[in-house]
Amino acid sequence: MLLLFHSRRMPVAKAPQVAGGQGDGGDGEEAEPEGMFKAREDSKRKAQGYLRLAPLWLTLVVLTSVGVLLWYFLGYKAEVTVSQVYSGSLRVLNRHFSQDLTRRESSAFRSETAKAQKMLKELIASTRLGTYYNSSSVYSFGEGPLTCFFWFILQIPEHRRPMLSPEVVQALLVEELLSTVNSSAAVPYRAEYEVDPEGLVILEASVKDIAALNSTLGCYRYSYVGQGQVLRLKGPDHLASSCLWHLQGPEDLMLKLRLEWTLAECRDRLAMYDVAGPLEKRLITSVYGCSRQEPVVEVLASGAIMAVVWKKGLHSYYDPFMLSVQPVVFQACEVNLTLDDRLDSQGVLSTPYFPSYYSPRTHCSWHLTVPSLDYGLALWFDAYALRRQKYDLPCTQGQWTIQNRRYYFLSSLQLPLLPPASSPPSMTPSLEAQVPSLRGTAGGASSGWGWCWAC
């Protein structure tokens, strides 16, 4: 069977063309710009949203910055710690001093130092100071019941620094020692040492003081001088740049050091301290070079302990000075005098052991009575001048109070006798004239002086 067929095009519906279009191809080209336009509008909306949130973000940043600053200044900074240095000494009742302990290179010194440092660390750790303990060192020993000289450092919060003065630290340590005197319980720091609570001394020091002390340990010399003895000290080691003489005498006496320059010219420096080490705040006085004005200098300590530090100037094979020390008794410095009915010089008064430098704790008081209200009082000073004291400045080398007026010391070694014009004003007529106070402070004593009076 034969089948016949033929093909024809099927009708196709045509989409209406937009004016200007090009058929099917035109439809695709029109859809693309419409999508891009919508994307741009979305981006603009998001940007506007971010701009509306900008003040909020800025506020959050400011609040965060303020919080960080408050934390730093009020929280973190309050916990910043500082190194507080203390120096001192203590007595051990069950130990005695031996000459082997004067030689730092000896095995006896090293052994005793290790035990003493362990005891000191355990004593501090037994108190609330143990939290702040940093380091410590025992650097010397002294006569009698074994006396240990030491320093230690506490790392304390800066805001607690005023609360841990040397007096407070000493009280805490003494309280700990007293609490275990009659106790039968085992206490680590009492394993080998019986420490005397009354023999504990704590002083304020600084890192600079410890550095100065350590620089002298290569030429460290300890000497004990007995009552009625004059001890000449060995000269400095010329291979060393500095030396320290640690001097000790009987407890109820004070030490007097005599310095005599032996060269016409030198640049050596000697500093005298009122304690066992070179503590700047306990400086008595210092001398530099071979002084022609003072070829011989005598210096008094306020007690039985003194330190002398030498700093080398020019190298020399000859000792530029000689040192000797002796213990002397305390001299009273309080006088009550009634003047005679005449117009001339009627007496001479002086500081203890004139012309020696007076000690840092000197306190003299003179009460002078004139015959009648027709008389006044005039003072003349030898190698000593007074000037009016300004209230905003401290008196570091001696202060006078004359009729409620303060005067300060001014050295005048070039003038053997000062004229009356250089003395303080004459006192107005009074039946009782008083010069109540002369004080030499620990900041530096001055050379002694003498004065006379007339009415």
Protein backbone atom coordinates (compact mmCIF):
# COMPACT_ATOMS: atom_id res chain seq x y z
CA MET A 1 0.00 0.00 0.00
CA LEU A 2 1.39 3.32 -0.93
CA LEU A 3 1.10 6.19 1.47
CA LEU A 4 1.57 9.70 0.31
CA PHE A 5 2.45 12.53 2.72
CA HIS A 6 3.76 16.04 2.60
CA SER A 7 5.14 18.51 5.26
CA ARG A 8 4.14 22.04 6.11
CA ARG A 9 5.40 24.75 8.53
CA MET A 10 3.56 24.80 11.84
CA PRO A 11 2.19 28.20 12.80
CA VAL A 12 4.35 30.02 15.44
CA ALA A 13 2.97 32.74 17.65
CA LYS A 14 5.06 35.86 17.42
CA ALA A 15 5.62 38.07 20.42
CA PRO A 16 4.83 41.68 19.84
CA GLN A 17 7.91 43.74 19.16
CA VAL A 18 8.75 46.85 21.01
CA ALA A 19 9.28 49.79 18.84
CA GLY A 20 12.77 49.93 17.58
CA GLY A 21 13.36 46.25 18.41
CA GLN A 22 15.07 43.66 16.20
CA GLY A 23 13.03 40.56 16.77
CA ASP A 24 13.95 37.89 19.30
CA GLY A 25 17.40 39.26 19.80
CA GLY A 26 15.90 42.56 20.96
CA ASP A 27 13.99 40.89 23.83
CA GLY A 28 17.27 39.67 25.55
CA GLU A 29 19.00 43.04 25.25
CA GLU A 30 16.12 44.85 27.04
CA ALA A 31 16.12 42.49 30.14
CA GLU A 32 19.78 43.10 31.13
CA PRO A 33 19.64 46.90 31.94
CA GLU A 34 16.59 46.37 34.08
CA GLY A 35 18.49 43.94 36.45
CA MET A 36 21.45 46.25 36.77
CA PHE A 37 19.23 49.15 37.75
CA LYS A 38 17.64 47.12 40.55
CA ALA A 39 21.11 46.10 41.91
CA ARG A 40 22.20 49.70 42.02
CA GLU A 41 19.13 50.69 43.96
CA ASP A 42 19.77 47.92 46.52
CA SER A 43 23.37 49.14 47.00
CA LYS A 44 22.16 52.69 47.60
CA ARG A 45 19.64 51.48 50.16
CA LYS A 46 22.35 49.54 52.05
CA ALA A 47 24.72 52.51 52.02
CA GLN A 48 21.98 54.73 53.42
CA GLY A 49 21.35 52.15 56.14
CA TYR A 50 25.02 52.14 57.08
CA LEU A 51 25.06 55.94 57.24
CA ARG A 52 22.07 55.90 59.54
CA LEU A 53 24.00 53.47 61.85
CA ALA A 54 27.22 55.55 61.83
CA PRO A 55 26.34 57.63 64.95
CA LEU A 56 25.62 54.42 66.83
CA TRP A 57 28.95 52.90 65.83
CA LEU A 58 30.77 56.12 66.75
CA THR A 59 29.08 56.15 70.16
CA LEU A 60 30.15 52.53 70.77
CA VAL A 61 33.78 53.34 69.86
CA VAL A 62 33.83 56.36 72.20
CA LEU A 63 32.32 54.38 75.08
CA THR A 64 34.83 51.57 74.55
CA SER A 65 37.75 54.03 74.52
CA VAL A 66 36.53 55.69 77.72
CA GLY A 67 36.20 52.29 79.38
CA VAL A 68 39.74 51.29 78.41
CA LEU A 69 41.15 54.57 79.75
CA LEU A 70 39.27 54.23 83.03
CA TRP A 71 40.52 50.67 83.43
CA TYR A 72 44.10 51.76 82.75
CA PHE A 73 44.17 54.69 85.14
CA LEU A 74 41.92 53.35 87.90
CA GLY A 75 42.51 49.63 87.71
CA TYR A 76 45.67 48.61 85.94
CA LYS A 77 47.78 51.60 86.93
CA ALA A 78 46.86 51.19 90.60
CA GLU A 79 48.59 47.84 90.54
CA VAL A 80 51.89 49.18 89.22
CA THR A 81 54.59 48.15 91.69
CA VAL A 82 57.72 49.95 92.83
CA SER A 83 60.92 48.69 94.44
CA GLN A 84 61.19 49.87 98.05
CA VAL A 85 64.68 49.38 99.50
CA TYR A 86 65.46 49.02 103.21
CA SER A 87 68.77 48.78 105.02
CA GLY A 88 69.38 47.73 108.58
CA SER A 89 70.99 45.51 111.18
CA LEU A 90 70.01 42.91 113.75
CA ARG A 91 71.69 41.16 116.67
CA VAL A 92 71.93 37.38 117.05
CA LEU A 93 72.17 36.39 120.72
CA ASN A 94 73.44 32.84 120.25
CA ARG A 95 76.32 33.77 117.90
CA HIS A 96 79.56 35.67 118.48
CA PHE A 97 81.74 37.66 116.15
CA SER A 98 85.08 36.31 114.95
CA GLN A 99 87.85 37.89 112.90
CA ASP A 100 87.22 35.38 110.10
CA LEU A 101 83.96 37.22 109.42
CA THR A 102 85.87 40.39 108.48
CA ARG A 103 87.33 38.68 105.38
CA ARG A 104 84.73 38.39 102.65
CA GLU A 105 86.76 35.74 100.81
CA SER A 106 86.86 33.38 103.82
CA SER A 107 84.72 30.23 103.98
CA ALA A 108 83.44 31.30 107.41
CA PHE A 109 82.07 34.54 105.95
CA ARG A 110 80.38 32.76 103.03
CA SER A 111 78.84 30.12 105.29
CA GLU A 112 77.54 32.64 107.85
CA THR A 113 76.22 34.91 105.10
CA ALA A 114 74.20 32.08 103.54
CA LYS A 115 72.64 31.19 106.91
CA ALA A 116 71.89 34.80 107.80
CA GLN A 117 70.29 35.53 104.43
CA LYS A 118 68.08 32.44 104.77
CA MET A 119 67.03 33.56 108.25
CA LEU A 120 66.25 37.10 107.04
CA LYS A 121 64.15 35.85 104.13
CA GLU A 122 62.17 33.50 106.39
CA LEU A 123 61.60 36.27 108.94
CA ILE A 124 60.15 38.58 106.28
CA ALA A 125 58.06 35.74 104.84
CA SER A 126 56.53 35.14 108.29
CA THR A 127 54.87 38.56 108.18
CA ARG A 128 52.47 40.15 105.72
CA LEU A 129 55.54 41.62 104.03
CA GLY A 130 56.30 38.20 102.57
CA THR A 131 53.88 38.84 99.69
CA TYR A 132 56.07 41.72 98.52
CA TYR A 133 59.50 40.13 99.09
CA ASN A 134 61.89 40.58 96.16
CA SER A 135 65.51 40.04 97.26
CA SER A 136 67.90 40.54 100.18
CA SER A 137 71.57 40.41 101.07
CA VAL A 138 73.69 40.27 104.23
CA TYR A 139 76.89 42.16 103.42
CA SER A 140 78.74 42.48 106.74
CA PHE A 141 79.00 41.39 110.39
CA GLY A 142 79.84 43.31 113.53
CA GLU A 143 81.20 42.89 117.07
CA GLY A 144 79.45 41.82 120.27
CA PRO A 145 76.58 39.40 119.94
CA LEU A 146 76.85 38.79 116.22
CA THR A 147 75.46 41.83 114.40
CA CYS A 148 74.28 41.27 110.82
CA PHE A 149 74.14 44.23 108.43
CA PHE A 150 71.76 43.74 105.53
CA TRP A 151 69.47 45.25 102.93
CA PHE A 152 66.30 43.92 101.31
CA ILE A 153 63.88 44.99 98.59
CA LEU A 154 60.08 44.79 98.66
CA GLN A 155 58.11 45.01 95.42
CA ILE A 156 55.02 46.84 96.58
CA PRO A 157 52.03 48.50 94.87
CA GLU A 158 52.73 52.17 94.38
CA HIS A 159 49.65 53.28 96.32
CA ARG A 160 50.83 51.30 99.37
CA ARG A 161 54.27 52.87 99.46
CA PRO A 162 53.43 55.48 102.15
CA MET A 163 51.97 52.72 104.32
CA LEU A 164 55.24 50.77 104.46
CA SER A 165 57.66 53.28 105.92
CA PRO A 166 60.82 51.99 107.67
CA GLU A 167 59.10 52.50 111.04
CA VAL A 168 56.11 50.39 109.99
CA VAL A 169 58.31 47.63 108.55
CA GLN A 170 60.43 47.56 111.71
CA ALA A 171 57.30 47.36 113.88
CA LEU A 172 55.96 44.41 111.86
CA LEU A 173 59.23 42.49 112.13
CA VAL A 174 59.62 43.21 115.86
CA GLU A 175 56.03 42.09 116.45
CA GLU A 176 56.79 38.81 114.70
CA LEU A 177 59.96 38.27 116.76
CA LEU A 178 58.18 39.00 120.04
CA SER A 179 55.32 36.65 119.18
CA THR A 180 57.70 33.68 119.03
CA VAL A 181 59.92 34.45 122.04
CA ASN A 182 58.04 32.17 124.44
CA SER A 183 56.55 29.91 121.79
CA SER A 184 57.48 26.23 121.67
CA ALA A 185 56.34 25.86 118.06
CA ALA A 186 59.00 25.40 115.42
CA VAL A 187 59.69 28.63 113.55
CA PRO A 188 61.88 28.45 110.42
CA TYR A 189 63.92 31.61 111.07
CA ARG A 190 64.72 30.46 114.63
CA ALA A 191 66.21 27.14 113.57
CA GLU A 192 69.79 28.42 114.04
CA TYR A 193 69.50 32.05 115.15
CA GLU A 194 68.04 33.67 118.24
CA VAL A 195 67.32 37.20 117.04
CA ASP A 196 67.11 40.03 119.57
CA PRO A 197 63.93 42.08 118.89
CA GLU A 198 65.43 45.15 120.58
CA GLY A 199 68.50 45.03 118.35
CA LEU A 200 66.60 45.33 115.06
CA VAL A 201 67.13 48.56 113.09
CA ILE A 202 65.42 49.36 109.76
CA LEU A 203 66.35 52.41 107.67
CA GLU A 204 65.17 53.77 104.35
CA ALA A 205 67.53 53.24 101.41
CA SER A 206 67.44 53.41 97.63
CA VAL A 207 68.62 51.43 94.63
CA LYS A 208 71.34 54.04 94.17
CA ASP A 209 72.57 53.39 97.73
CA ILE A 210 72.78 49.65 97.09
CA ALA A 211 74.70 50.25 93.85
CA ALA A 212 77.16 52.48 95.74
CA LEU A 213 77.57 49.82 98.43
CA ASN A 214 78.17 47.03 95.92
CA SER A 215 80.84 49.10 94.17
CA THR A 216 82.90 49.16 97.39
CA LEU A 217 82.66 45.48 98.35
CA GLY A 218 86.00 44.74 96.62
CA CYS A 219 87.68 47.01 99.18
CA TYR A 220 85.41 46.63 102.21
CA ARG A 221 87.09 46.99 105.62
CA TYR A 222 85.49 46.50 109.02
CA SER A 223 87.14 47.83 112.19
CA TYR A 224 86.07 47.87 115.82
CA VAL A 225 87.59 50.46 118.16
CA GLY A 226 87.35 50.05 121.92
CA GLN A 227 86.92 52.67 124.62
CA GLY A 228 90.05 54.79 125.17
CA GLN A 229 91.60 53.50 121.93
CA VAL A 230 92.76 55.54 118.94
CA LEU A 231 92.85 53.32 115.87
CA ARG A 232 94.71 54.31 112.72
CA LEU A 233 93.03 52.84 109.66
CA LYS A 234 94.77 51.15 106.78
CA GLY A 235 94.94 53.27 103.64
CA PRO A 236 92.92 52.59 100.49
CA ASP A 237 93.68 49.92 97.90
CA HIS A 238 95.13 51.82 94.93
CA LEU A 239 93.98 49.11 92.53
CA ALA A 240 90.36 49.74 93.50
CA SER A 241 88.27 52.71 92.40
CA SER A 242 86.53 53.01 95.77
CA CYS A 243 86.79 51.65 99.32
CA LEU A 244 84.53 51.57 102.37
CA TRP A 245 85.58 51.61 106.01
CA HIS A 246 82.87 50.22 108.28
CA LEU A 247 83.60 51.51 111.80
CA GLN A 248 82.02 50.40 115.07
CA GLY A 249 82.57 51.31 118.71
CA PRO A 250 80.96 50.75 122.13
CA GLU A 251 77.20 51.31 122.07
CA ASP A 252 77.12 54.06 124.70
CA LEU A 253 79.77 56.20 122.94
CA MET A 254 80.04 58.16 119.70
CA LEU A 255 82.77 57.88 117.07
CA LYS A 256 85.09 60.71 116.09
CA LEU A 257 86.96 60.40 112.80
CA ARG A 258 90.14 62.38 112.09
CA LEU A 259 91.14 63.01 108.47
CA GLU A 260 94.54 64.49 107.65
CA TRP A 261 95.51 65.29 104.07
CA THR A 262 99.09 64.24 103.22
CA LEU A 263 99.42 65.59 99.67
CA ALA A 264 99.38 69.18 98.45
CA GLU A 265 97.00 68.37 95.61
CA CYS A 266 94.62 65.50 94.85
CA ARG A 267 91.15 64.85 93.50
CA ASP A 268 90.04 62.12 95.87
CA ARG A 269 86.64 62.35 97.53
CA LEU A 270 85.73 61.14 101.01
CA ALA A 271 82.17 60.88 102.30
CA MET A 272 81.22 60.14 105.92
CA TYR A 273 77.91 58.52 106.83
CA ASP A 274 76.09 58.13 110.13
CA VAL A 275 75.28 54.46 109.45
CA ALA A 276 77.12 51.33 108.33
CA GLY A 277 76.62 51.91 104.60
CA PRO A 278 76.59 54.75 102.06
CA LEU A 279 72.97 55.87 102.52
CA GLU A 280 72.54 59.25 100.87
CA LYS A 281 69.96 60.42 103.42
CA ARG A 282 72.37 59.68 106.29
CA LEU A 283 75.34 61.60 104.90
CA ILE A 284 77.24 63.58 107.55
CA THR A 285 79.55 65.48 105.22
CA SER A 286 81.88 65.00 102.27
CA VAL A 287 85.25 66.52 101.38
CA TYR A 288 86.87 66.75 97.98
CA GLY A 289 90.54 67.16 97.11
CA CYS A 290 93.39 67.92 99.46
CA SER A 291 91.82 70.97 101.05
CA ARG A 292 94.23 73.78 101.93
CA GLN A 293 91.55 75.47 104.00
CA GLU A 294 91.00 72.36 106.11
CA PRO A 295 94.20 70.28 106.15
CA VAL A 296 92.80 68.43 109.16
CA VAL A 297 89.11 67.52 109.47
CA GLU A 298 87.40 65.91 112.45
CA VAL A 299 83.91 64.47 112.04
CA LEU A 300 81.56 63.20 114.73
CA ALA A 301 78.96 60.47 114.26
CA SER A 302 75.78 60.54 116.31
CA GLY A 303 76.39 57.03 117.64
CA ALA A 304 78.71 54.05 117.66
CA ILE A 305 78.58 53.29 113.91
CA MET A 306 80.06 55.17 110.98
CA ALA A 307 80.97 54.50 107.35
CA VAL A 308 83.63 56.26 105.28
CA VAL A 309 83.62 55.92 101.49
CA TRP A 310 86.63 56.84 99.33
CA LYS A 311 86.39 57.58 95.60
CA LYS A 312 89.68 57.62 93.74
CA GLY A 313 90.64 60.71 91.76
CA LEU A 314 94.10 60.77 90.21
CA HIS A 315 96.16 57.60 90.46
CA SER A 316 98.94 57.82 93.03
CA TYR A 317 101.23 55.36 94.79
CA TYR A 318 101.03 57.47 97.94
CA ASP A 319 98.06 57.70 100.25
CA PRO A 320 96.58 61.19 99.90
CA PHE A 321 95.21 61.07 103.46
CA MET A 322 95.45 59.38 106.86
CA LEU A 323 92.42 58.23 108.82
CA SER A 324 92.11 57.51 112.53
CA VAL A 325 89.07 56.92 114.72
CA GLN A 326 88.32 56.93 118.42
CA PRO A 327 85.19 56.64 120.58
CA VAL A 328 84.26 59.67 122.69
CA VAL A 329 81.57 60.36 125.26
CA PHE A 330 78.48 62.42 124.51
CA GLN A 331 78.75 66.06 125.53
CA ALA A 332 75.77 67.98 126.80
CA CYS A 333 74.97 71.16 124.92
CA GLU A 334 72.59 73.01 127.24
CA VAL A 335 73.72 76.05 129.22
CA ASN A 336 72.00 78.60 131.53
CA LEU A 337 74.06 81.77 132.04
CA THR A 338 73.57 85.09 133.83
CA LEU A 339 75.70 87.92 132.45
CA ASP A 340 77.55 90.47 134.58
CA ASP A 341 76.79 94.17 134.76
CA ARG A 342 79.56 95.29 132.36
CA LEU A 343 80.05 96.05 128.66
CA ASP A 344 82.67 93.63 127.35
CA SER A 345 83.08 90.05 126.18
CA GLN A 346 82.04 87.71 128.96
CA GLY A 347 82.58 84.20 127.66
CA VAL A 348 82.93 81.69 124.85
CA LEU A 349 80.63 78.80 123.96
CA SER A 350 81.05 76.14 121.27
CA THR A 351 79.52 73.03 119.81
CA PRO A 352 80.67 69.65 121.21
CA TYR A 353 84.31 68.85 120.43
CA PHE A 354 84.92 72.14 118.62
CA PRO A 355 86.48 72.47 116.01
CA SER A 356 85.16 69.05 114.98
CA TYR A 357 82.17 68.81 112.67
CA TYR A 358 79.18 68.46 114.96
CA SER A 359 77.17 65.26 114.69
CA PRO A 360 73.90 65.04 112.70
CA ARG A 361 71.73 64.92 115.83
CA THR A 362 73.29 67.84 117.69
CA HIS A 363 70.78 69.95 119.60
CA CYS A 364 72.18 72.82 121.62
CA SER A 365 70.26 75.27 123.79
CA TRP A 366 71.62 78.34 125.57
CA HIS A 367 69.57 80.44 127.99
CA LEU A 368 71.25 83.81 128.64
CA THR A 369 70.02 86.33 131.21
CA VAL A 370 71.08 90.01 131.10
CA PRO A 371 71.38 92.09 134.29
CA SER A 372 68.59 94.55 133.44
CA LEU A 373 66.45 95.92 130.64
CA ASP A 374 69.16 98.49 129.94
CA TYR A 375 71.29 95.78 128.31
CA GLY A 376 71.10 93.86 125.07
CA LEU A 377 73.12 90.95 123.74
CA ALA A 378 75.53 90.69 120.80
CA LEU A 379 76.99 87.48 119.34
CA TRP A 380 80.21 86.98 117.37
CA PHE A 381 80.95 83.78 115.45
CA ASP A 382 84.26 82.18 114.50
CA ALA A 383 84.37 80.59 110.99
CA TYR A 384 80.61 80.58 110.98
CA ALA A 385 78.00 82.96 109.59
CA LEU A 386 74.23 83.10 109.86
CA ARG A 387 71.69 84.28 107.31
CA ARG A 388 67.95 84.69 107.56
CA GLN A 389 66.14 81.45 106.78
CA LYS A 390 63.52 81.35 104.06
CA TYR A 391 60.54 79.28 105.17
CA ASP A 392 60.23 77.46 101.87
CA LEU A 393 63.80 76.13 102.03
CA PRO A 394 65.09 73.43 104.39
CA CYS A 395 68.03 73.94 106.74
CA THR A 396 70.43 71.08 105.98
CA GLN A 397 73.55 72.14 107.88
CA GLY A 398 72.30 73.77 111.04
CA GLN A 399 69.42 75.98 112.09
CA TRP A 400 69.28 78.71 114.71
CA THR A 401 66.23 80.19 116.35
CA ILE A 402 66.91 83.57 117.98
CA GLN A 403 63.92 85.40 119.41
CA ASN A 404 61.58 83.44 117.14
CA ARG A 405 63.63 84.22 114.03
CA ARG A 406 65.16 81.40 112.04
CA TYR A 407 68.69 81.55 110.65
CA TYR A 408 70.68 79.07 108.58
CA PHE A 409 74.37 78.24 108.50
CA LEU A 410 76.79 79.72 105.98
CA SER A 411 80.38 78.50 106.01
CA SER A 412 83.08 81.15 106.19
CA LEU A 413 86.36 79.29 106.56
CA GLN A 414 88.26 82.04 104.78
CA LEU A 415 87.49 84.49 107.60
CA PRO A 416 88.96 83.50 110.99
CA LEU A 417 86.76 86.03 112.77
CA LEU A 418 83.56 87.50 111.40
CA PRO A 419 82.83 91.16 112.19
CA PRO A 420 79.68 91.95 114.16
CA ALA A 421 77.98 93.08 110.96
CA SER A 422 78.05 89.46 109.76
CA SER A 423 76.46 88.16 112.92
CA PRO A 424 72.69 88.01 113.46
CA PRO A 425 71.04 91.19 114.73
CA SER A 426 71.71 92.10 118.31
CA MET A 427 68.97 91.05 120.68
CA THR A 428 66.61 93.70 121.97
CA PRO A 429 66.73 94.48 125.70
CA SER A 430 65.26 91.62 127.69
CA LEU A 431 65.94 90.11 131.07
CA GLU A 432 66.09 86.69 129.48
CA ALA A 433 67.57 86.12 126.03
CA GLN A 434 67.49 82.59 124.67
CA VAL A 435 69.16 80.86 121.72
CA PRO A 436 67.06 77.71 122.02
CA SER A 437 67.98 75.56 119.09
CA LEU A 438 70.92 74.60 116.95
CA ARG A 439 70.30 71.46 114.96
CA GLY A 440 72.60 69.57 112.65
CA THR A 441 70.45 67.42 110.41
CA ALA A 442 71.19 64.06 108.77
CA GLY A 443 71.30 65.84 105.44
CA GLY A 444 74.81 67.00 106.24
CA ALA A 445 76.54 68.36 109.31
CA SER A 446 78.86 71.33 109.33
CA SER A 447 82.16 72.12 110.89
CA GLY A 448 82.04 73.09 114.53
CA TRP A 449 81.99 76.69 115.60
CA GLY A 450 82.61 78.87 118.61
CA TRP A 451 80.98 82.12 119.58
CA CYS A 452 81.29 84.76 122.24
CA TRP A 453 78.81 87.20 123.68
CA ALA A 454 78.88 90.63 125.19
CA CYS A 455 76.28 92.89 126.74
